[in-house]
């Protein structure tokens, strides 16, 4: 995502409430890349979005820009004693203000899973569960 930010200079980012990114968290990134490439024809490109903290692979679904990212879940990503999360997809939704939106979500019965934080060279995000437990992320481009 970060490489495309500079390529899209002048683009203000996704509008409030728009789906804008999908992330795949896997226990075997290589196997997932092969699967999605063969099933859907997606192409993958290594990304610098994590500043080298872990391998991150952006995928394109036939468009000129990436639709999401894939990474491998590791024990280092978890707090000590915390089990690895199950493989999953996480949908990102654009918002005007990540912090204010997270607060509003809590006031309306949601729960913060990961508080608002910056993604280097990219923007700001939070992970939230709705009142029924469905999880999504919010995002504001830098």
N, C-alpha and C. Protein backbone atom coordinates (compact mmCIF):
# COMPACT_ATOMS: atom_id res chain seq x y z
N UNK A 1 0.82 -1.18 0.00
CA UNK A 1 0.00 0.00 0.00
C UNK A 1 0.87 1.25 0.00
N UNK A 2 1.99 1.24 0.73
CA UNK A 2 2.79 2.45 0.87
C UNK A 2 3.42 2.87 -0.45
N UNK A 3 3.85 1.91 -1.28
CA UNK A 3 4.44 2.26 -2.56
C UNK A 3 3.44 2.97 -3.44
N UNK A 4 2.19 2.57 -3.37
CA UNK A 4 1.17 3.16 -4.21
C UNK A 4 0.77 4.55 -3.72
N UNK A 5 0.98 4.85 -2.45
CA UNK A 5 0.64 6.17 -1.93
C UNK A 5 1.38 7.23 -2.72
N UNK A 6 2.69 7.04 -2.92
CA UNK A 6 3.46 8.04 -3.64
C UNK A 6 3.06 8.07 -5.11
N UNK A 7 2.67 6.93 -5.68
CA UNK A 7 2.26 6.87 -7.08
C UNK A 7 0.93 7.56 -7.30
N UNK A 8 0.12 7.67 -6.28
CA UNK A 8 -1.21 8.27 -6.42
C UNK A 8 -1.25 9.66 -5.80
N UNK A 9 -0.16 10.40 -5.93
CA UNK A 9 -0.11 11.75 -5.37
C UNK A 9 -1.33 12.53 -5.83
N UNK A 10 -1.94 13.20 -4.90
CA UNK A 10 -3.14 13.96 -5.20
C UNK A 10 -4.41 13.19 -4.88
N UNK A 11 -4.32 11.88 -4.73
CA UNK A 11 -5.48 11.07 -4.35
C UNK A 11 -5.70 11.23 -2.86
N UNK A 12 -6.87 11.64 -2.45
CA UNK A 12 -7.15 11.91 -1.04
C UNK A 12 -7.42 10.65 -0.24
N UNK A 13 -7.56 9.53 -0.91
CA UNK A 13 -7.84 8.29 -0.20
C UNK A 13 -9.31 7.92 -0.29
N UNK A 14 -9.65 6.79 0.29
CA UNK A 14 -11.03 6.33 0.22
C UNK A 14 -11.96 7.26 0.99
N UNK A 15 -13.19 7.35 0.51
CA UNK A 15 -14.19 8.16 1.18
C UNK A 15 -14.71 7.47 2.44
N UNK A 16 -15.34 8.24 3.30
CA UNK A 16 -15.89 7.73 4.55
C UNK A 16 -16.91 6.62 4.26
N UNK A 17 -16.66 5.44 4.82
CA UNK A 17 -17.57 4.32 4.65
C UNK A 17 -17.28 3.43 3.46
N UNK A 18 -16.27 3.76 2.65
CA UNK A 18 -15.93 2.95 1.47
C UNK A 18 -14.99 1.81 1.84
N UNK A 19 -15.27 0.63 1.30
CA UNK A 19 -14.33 -0.47 1.45
C UNK A 19 -13.08 -0.12 0.66
N UNK A 20 -11.89 -0.34 1.25
CA UNK A 20 -10.69 0.14 0.57
C UNK A 20 -9.51 -0.83 0.58
N UNK A 21 -9.53 -1.88 1.37
CA UNK A 21 -8.37 -2.78 1.44
C UNK A 21 -8.82 -4.08 2.07
N UNK A 22 -8.23 -5.17 1.65
CA UNK A 22 -8.48 -6.46 2.27
C UNK A 22 -7.15 -7.08 2.62
N UNK A 23 -7.05 -7.59 3.82
CA UNK A 23 -5.80 -8.19 4.28
C UNK A 23 -6.04 -9.66 4.60
N UNK A 24 -5.11 -10.48 4.17
CA UNK A 24 -5.17 -11.91 4.46
C UNK A 24 -4.06 -12.23 5.44
N UNK A 25 -4.43 -12.74 6.62
CA UNK A 25 -3.46 -13.19 7.61
C UNK A 25 -3.45 -14.71 7.53
N UNK A 26 -2.27 -15.27 7.30
CA UNK A 26 -2.15 -16.70 7.03
C UNK A 26 -1.08 -17.33 7.91
N UNK A 27 -1.18 -18.63 8.09
CA UNK A 27 -0.12 -19.36 8.77
C UNK A 27 0.89 -19.92 7.77
N UNK A 28 0.63 -19.72 6.47
CA UNK A 28 1.55 -20.16 5.42
C UNK A 28 1.36 -19.25 4.21
N UNK A 29 2.11 -18.15 4.19
CA UNK A 29 1.95 -17.15 3.13
C UNK A 29 2.25 -17.72 1.74
N UNK A 30 3.28 -18.53 1.63
CA UNK A 30 3.64 -19.09 0.32
C UNK A 30 2.51 -19.95 -0.24
N UNK A 31 1.92 -20.78 0.60
CA UNK A 31 0.81 -21.63 0.17
C UNK A 31 -0.39 -20.78 -0.25
N UNK A 32 -0.67 -19.71 0.50
CA UNK A 32 -1.79 -18.82 0.17
C UNK A 32 -1.54 -18.09 -1.14
N UNK A 33 -0.32 -17.59 -1.34
CA UNK A 33 -0.01 -16.90 -2.60
C UNK A 33 -0.26 -17.83 -3.79
N UNK A 34 0.19 -19.07 -3.68
CA UNK A 34 -0.02 -20.03 -4.76
C UNK A 34 -1.51 -20.29 -4.97
N UNK A 35 -2.24 -20.48 -3.88
CA UNK A 35 -3.68 -20.75 -3.96
C UNK A 35 -4.42 -19.62 -4.66
N UNK A 36 -4.27 -18.38 -4.16
CA UNK A 36 -5.02 -17.26 -4.72
C UNK A 36 -4.59 -16.93 -6.14
N UNK A 37 -3.31 -17.14 -6.45
CA UNK A 37 -2.84 -16.94 -7.82
C UNK A 37 -3.52 -17.91 -8.77
N UNK A 38 -3.60 -19.17 -8.37
CA UNK A 38 -4.20 -20.19 -9.23
C UNK A 38 -5.72 -20.12 -9.29
N UNK A 39 -6.36 -19.83 -8.17
CA UNK A 39 -7.83 -19.80 -8.14
C UNK A 39 -8.39 -18.53 -8.80
N UNK A 40 -7.77 -17.37 -8.53
CA UNK A 40 -8.32 -16.10 -9.00
C UNK A 40 -7.44 -15.34 -9.99
N UNK A 41 -6.21 -15.80 -10.19
CA UNK A 41 -5.30 -15.09 -11.08
C UNK A 41 -4.67 -13.86 -10.47
N UNK A 42 -4.73 -13.74 -9.14
CA UNK A 42 -4.13 -12.58 -8.47
C UNK A 42 -2.62 -12.60 -8.65
N UNK A 43 -2.03 -11.41 -8.70
CA UNK A 43 -0.57 -11.28 -8.73
C UNK A 43 -0.11 -10.66 -7.43
N UNK A 44 1.06 -11.06 -6.98
CA UNK A 44 1.60 -10.59 -5.70
C UNK A 44 2.91 -9.85 -5.92
N UNK A 45 3.13 -8.83 -5.09
CA UNK A 45 4.35 -8.04 -5.13
C UNK A 45 4.78 -7.77 -3.69
N UNK A 46 6.06 -7.98 -3.40
CA UNK A 46 6.56 -7.68 -2.06
C UNK A 46 6.44 -6.18 -1.81
N UNK A 47 6.14 -5.82 -0.57
CA UNK A 47 5.89 -4.44 -0.21
C UNK A 47 6.80 -4.00 0.94
N UNK A 48 7.02 -2.70 1.05
CA UNK A 48 7.79 -2.15 2.16
C UNK A 48 6.88 -1.55 3.24
N UNK A 49 5.60 -1.91 3.21
CA UNK A 49 4.61 -1.31 4.11
C UNK A 49 4.91 -1.56 5.59
N UNK A 50 5.67 -2.59 5.92
CA UNK A 50 5.93 -2.90 7.33
C UNK A 50 7.31 -2.42 7.78
N UNK A 51 7.99 -1.66 6.93
CA UNK A 51 9.35 -1.19 7.23
C UNK A 51 10.27 -2.35 7.64
N UNK A 52 10.07 -3.52 7.05
CA UNK A 52 10.93 -4.67 7.32
C UNK A 52 10.59 -5.47 8.56
N UNK A 53 9.53 -5.09 9.26
CA UNK A 53 9.16 -5.82 10.49
C UNK A 53 8.75 -7.25 10.18
N UNK A 54 8.10 -7.46 9.03
CA UNK A 54 7.73 -8.79 8.57
C UNK A 54 7.42 -8.69 7.08
N UNK A 55 7.44 -9.83 6.40
CA UNK A 55 7.17 -9.84 4.96
C UNK A 55 5.70 -9.54 4.70
N UNK A 56 5.46 -8.62 3.79
CA UNK A 56 4.11 -8.21 3.43
C UNK A 56 4.01 -8.24 1.92
N UNK A 57 3.01 -8.90 1.39
CA UNK A 57 2.86 -9.09 -0.04
C UNK A 57 1.54 -8.47 -0.49
N UNK A 58 1.62 -7.43 -1.31
CA UNK A 58 0.41 -6.80 -1.83
C UNK A 58 -0.08 -7.60 -3.02
N UNK A 59 -1.41 -7.73 -3.14
CA UNK A 59 -1.96 -8.46 -4.27
C UNK A 59 -2.86 -7.57 -5.11
N UNK A 60 -2.84 -7.85 -6.41
CA UNK A 60 -3.70 -7.15 -7.35
C UNK A 60 -4.66 -8.17 -7.95
N UNK A 61 -5.85 -7.71 -8.22
CA UNK A 61 -6.90 -8.60 -8.74
C UNK A 61 -7.19 -8.32 -10.20
N UNK A 62 -6.21 -7.78 -10.91
CA UNK A 62 -6.38 -7.46 -12.32
C UNK A 62 -6.42 -5.98 -12.57
N UNK A 63 -6.44 -5.19 -11.51
CA UNK A 63 -6.45 -3.74 -11.66
C UNK A 63 -5.02 -3.22 -11.60
N UNK A 64 -4.85 -1.94 -11.84
CA UNK A 64 -3.53 -1.35 -11.87
C UNK A 64 -2.94 -1.11 -10.48
N UNK A 65 -3.74 -1.22 -9.47
CA UNK A 65 -3.28 -0.95 -8.11
C UNK A 65 -3.66 -2.13 -7.22
N UNK A 66 -2.98 -2.28 -6.09
CA UNK A 66 -3.29 -3.43 -5.23
C UNK A 66 -4.64 -3.32 -4.54
N UNK A 67 -5.24 -4.48 -4.29
CA UNK A 67 -6.53 -4.55 -3.60
C UNK A 67 -6.36 -4.93 -2.15
N UNK A 68 -5.16 -5.42 -1.79
CA UNK A 68 -4.95 -5.85 -0.42
C UNK A 68 -3.56 -6.40 -0.20
N UNK A 69 -3.38 -6.97 0.99
CA UNK A 69 -2.08 -7.52 1.36
C UNK A 69 -2.21 -8.87 2.04
N UNK A 70 -1.13 -9.63 1.98
CA UNK A 70 -1.06 -10.95 2.59
C UNK A 70 0.18 -10.99 3.46
N UNK A 71 0.04 -11.51 4.67
CA UNK A 71 1.20 -11.70 5.53
C UNK A 71 1.05 -12.99 6.32
N UNK A 72 2.16 -13.47 6.83
CA UNK A 72 2.16 -14.70 7.62
C UNK A 72 2.14 -14.35 9.11
N UNK A 73 1.21 -14.95 9.82
CA UNK A 73 1.10 -14.75 11.26
C UNK A 73 2.26 -15.48 11.94
N UNK A 74 2.96 -14.78 12.83
CA UNK A 74 4.06 -15.40 13.56
C UNK A 74 3.89 -15.18 15.05
N UNK A 75 4.57 -15.99 15.84
CA UNK A 75 4.50 -15.86 17.30
C UNK A 75 5.00 -14.50 17.76
N UNK A 76 5.94 -13.90 17.03
CA UNK A 76 6.49 -12.59 17.41
C UNK A 76 5.43 -11.49 17.34
N UNK A 77 4.37 -11.71 16.61
CA UNK A 77 3.30 -10.71 16.48
C UNK A 77 2.36 -10.72 17.68
N UNK A 78 2.46 -11.74 18.50
CA UNK A 78 1.54 -11.92 19.63
C UNK A 78 2.23 -11.59 20.95
N UNK A 79 1.45 -11.19 21.91
CA UNK A 79 1.98 -10.99 23.26
C UNK A 79 2.40 -12.35 23.82
N UNK A 80 3.32 -12.34 24.76
CA UNK A 80 3.80 -13.59 25.35
C UNK A 80 2.64 -14.40 25.92
N UNK A 81 2.59 -15.66 25.56
CA UNK A 81 1.55 -16.55 26.05
C UNK A 81 0.25 -16.50 25.26
N UNK A 82 0.12 -15.52 24.38
CA UNK A 82 -1.09 -15.37 23.57
C UNK A 82 -1.03 -16.35 22.40
N UNK A 83 -2.10 -17.07 22.13
CA UNK A 83 -2.07 -18.00 21.00
C UNK A 83 -2.09 -17.26 19.67
N UNK A 84 -1.58 -17.91 18.63
CA UNK A 84 -1.65 -17.33 17.29
C UNK A 84 -3.12 -17.20 16.88
N UNK A 85 -3.50 -16.08 16.28
CA UNK A 85 -4.88 -15.98 15.78
C UNK A 85 -5.06 -16.94 14.61
N UNK A 86 -6.28 -17.33 14.37
CA UNK A 86 -6.59 -18.18 13.23
C UNK A 86 -6.38 -17.39 11.94
N UNK A 87 -6.06 -18.07 10.86
CA UNK A 87 -6.00 -17.36 9.57
C UNK A 87 -7.34 -16.67 9.31
N UNK A 88 -7.28 -15.49 8.69
CA UNK A 88 -8.50 -14.73 8.48
C UNK A 88 -8.31 -13.65 7.42
N UNK A 89 -9.42 -13.12 6.96
CA UNK A 89 -9.45 -11.94 6.10
C UNK A 89 -9.92 -10.77 6.95
N UNK A 90 -9.36 -9.60 6.71
CA UNK A 90 -9.76 -8.39 7.42
C UNK A 90 -10.05 -7.31 6.39
N UNK A 91 -11.26 -6.78 6.41
CA UNK A 91 -11.67 -5.74 5.48
C UNK A 91 -11.46 -4.37 6.12
N UNK A 92 -10.85 -3.46 5.35
CA UNK A 92 -10.62 -2.09 5.81
C UNK A 92 -11.67 -1.17 5.20
N UNK A 93 -12.16 -0.24 6.01
CA UNK A 93 -13.19 0.72 5.59
C UNK A 93 -12.64 2.13 5.82
N UNK A 94 -12.71 2.95 4.80
CA UNK A 94 -12.22 4.32 4.92
C UNK A 94 -13.06 5.15 5.88
N UNK A 95 -12.39 6.01 6.67
CA UNK A 95 -13.07 6.94 7.57
C UNK A 95 -12.39 8.30 7.49
N UNK A 96 -13.10 9.33 7.92
CA UNK A 96 -12.54 10.68 7.91
C UNK A 96 -11.54 10.89 9.03
N UNK A 97 -11.74 10.23 10.17
CA UNK A 97 -10.89 10.39 11.35
C UNK A 97 -10.90 9.07 12.13
N UNK A 98 -9.80 8.35 12.10
CA UNK A 98 -9.73 7.02 12.73
C UNK A 98 -10.02 7.10 14.22
N UNK A 99 -9.43 8.06 14.91
CA UNK A 99 -9.59 8.15 16.37
C UNK A 99 -11.04 8.48 16.75
N UNK A 100 -11.62 9.47 16.09
CA UNK A 100 -12.99 9.86 16.40
C UNK A 100 -13.96 8.73 16.05
N UNK A 101 -13.70 8.05 14.94
CA UNK A 101 -14.57 6.96 14.53
C UNK A 101 -14.49 5.80 15.51
N UNK A 102 -13.30 5.50 16.01
CA UNK A 102 -13.15 4.41 17.00
C UNK A 102 -13.93 4.75 18.27
N UNK A 103 -13.85 5.99 18.71
CA UNK A 103 -14.59 6.42 19.89
C UNK A 103 -16.10 6.29 19.66
N UNK A 104 -16.55 6.70 18.48
CA UNK A 104 -17.97 6.61 18.15
C UNK A 104 -18.41 5.14 18.14
N UNK A 105 -17.57 4.26 17.60
CA UNK A 105 -17.91 2.84 17.56
C UNK A 105 -18.11 2.29 18.98
N UNK A 106 -17.23 2.69 19.91
CA UNK A 106 -17.36 2.24 21.30
C UNK A 106 -18.66 2.77 21.90
N UNK A 107 -18.95 4.03 21.66
CA UNK A 107 -20.18 4.63 22.19
C UNK A 107 -21.44 3.93 21.67
N UNK A 108 -21.33 3.32 20.49
CA UNK A 108 -22.47 2.65 19.88
C UNK A 108 -22.46 1.13 20.11
N UNK A 109 -21.61 0.68 21.05
CA UNK A 109 -21.62 -0.74 21.43
C UNK A 109 -20.51 -1.58 20.84
N UNK A 110 -19.62 -0.98 20.06
CA UNK A 110 -18.49 -1.72 19.50
C UNK A 110 -17.37 -1.87 20.52
N UNK A 111 -16.34 -2.59 20.13
CA UNK A 111 -15.19 -2.84 21.03
C UNK A 111 -13.91 -2.66 20.22
N UNK A 112 -12.95 -1.98 20.79
CA UNK A 112 -11.66 -1.76 20.13
C UNK A 112 -10.81 -3.02 20.30
N UNK A 113 -10.38 -3.60 19.19
CA UNK A 113 -9.49 -4.75 19.20
C UNK A 113 -8.04 -4.27 19.17
N UNK A 114 -7.73 -3.32 18.29
CA UNK A 114 -6.42 -2.70 18.21
C UNK A 114 -6.66 -1.21 18.13
N UNK A 115 -6.17 -0.46 19.12
CA UNK A 115 -6.44 0.98 19.14
C UNK A 115 -5.81 1.68 17.93
N UNK A 116 -6.27 2.88 17.62
CA UNK A 116 -5.72 3.62 16.49
C UNK A 116 -4.20 3.72 16.56
N UNK A 117 -3.58 3.45 15.42
CA UNK A 117 -2.12 3.56 15.34
C UNK A 117 -1.73 3.85 13.89
N UNK A 118 -0.52 4.35 13.72
CA UNK A 118 -0.04 4.71 12.39
C UNK A 118 0.57 3.50 11.69
N UNK A 119 0.41 3.47 10.37
CA UNK A 119 1.09 2.53 9.49
C UNK A 119 2.18 3.36 8.81
N UNK A 120 3.45 3.03 9.00
CA UNK A 120 4.52 3.86 8.43
C UNK A 120 4.33 4.14 6.95
N UNK A 121 4.51 5.38 6.58
CA UNK A 121 4.46 5.82 5.18
C UNK A 121 3.10 5.59 4.51
N UNK A 122 2.03 5.35 5.27
CA UNK A 122 0.77 4.97 4.64
C UNK A 122 -0.43 5.72 5.22
N UNK A 123 -0.68 5.59 6.52
CA UNK A 123 -1.86 6.21 7.11
C UNK A 123 -2.07 5.76 8.54
N UNK A 124 -3.31 5.76 8.96
CA UNK A 124 -3.67 5.41 10.34
C UNK A 124 -4.81 4.41 10.28
N UNK A 125 -4.84 3.46 11.24
CA UNK A 125 -5.90 2.46 11.25
C UNK A 125 -6.25 2.06 12.67
N UNK A 126 -7.38 1.39 12.81
CA UNK A 126 -7.81 0.77 14.06
C UNK A 126 -8.55 -0.51 13.68
N UNK A 127 -8.60 -1.46 14.60
CA UNK A 127 -9.38 -2.69 14.39
C UNK A 127 -10.49 -2.70 15.43
N UNK A 128 -11.72 -2.90 14.96
CA UNK A 128 -12.90 -2.76 15.80
C UNK A 128 -13.81 -3.97 15.62
N UNK A 129 -14.49 -4.37 16.68
CA UNK A 129 -15.54 -5.38 16.59
C UNK A 129 -16.88 -4.67 16.76
N UNK A 130 -17.84 -5.03 15.92
CA UNK A 130 -19.17 -4.44 16.07
C UNK A 130 -19.86 -5.08 17.28
N UNK A 131 -21.05 -4.63 17.64
CA UNK A 131 -21.72 -5.17 18.84
C UNK A 131 -21.98 -6.67 18.80
N UNK A 132 -21.94 -7.28 17.61
CA UNK A 132 -22.17 -8.72 17.52
C UNK A 132 -20.86 -9.51 17.45
N UNK A 133 -19.72 -8.81 17.39
CA UNK A 133 -18.42 -9.47 17.35
C UNK A 133 -17.75 -9.52 15.98
N UNK A 134 -18.43 -9.08 14.92
CA UNK A 134 -17.81 -9.05 13.60
C UNK A 134 -16.68 -8.02 13.60
N UNK A 135 -15.53 -8.38 13.06
CA UNK A 135 -14.34 -7.54 13.13
C UNK A 135 -14.04 -6.90 11.78
N UNK A 136 -13.63 -5.63 11.81
CA UNK A 136 -13.22 -4.88 10.61
C UNK A 136 -12.17 -3.88 11.04
N UNK A 137 -11.52 -3.28 10.07
CA UNK A 137 -10.54 -2.22 10.35
C UNK A 137 -11.01 -0.93 9.70
N UNK A 138 -10.63 0.19 10.30
CA UNK A 138 -10.89 1.49 9.71
C UNK A 138 -9.55 2.06 9.27
N UNK A 139 -9.58 2.96 8.28
CA UNK A 139 -8.34 3.46 7.71
C UNK A 139 -8.50 4.89 7.20
N UNK A 140 -7.47 5.69 7.40
CA UNK A 140 -7.37 7.04 6.85
C UNK A 140 -5.98 7.18 6.25
N UNK A 141 -5.92 7.49 4.96
CA UNK A 141 -4.63 7.63 4.28
C UNK A 141 -3.91 8.87 4.81
N UNK A 142 -2.59 8.74 4.90
CA UNK A 142 -1.76 9.88 5.38
C UNK A 142 -1.80 11.01 4.37
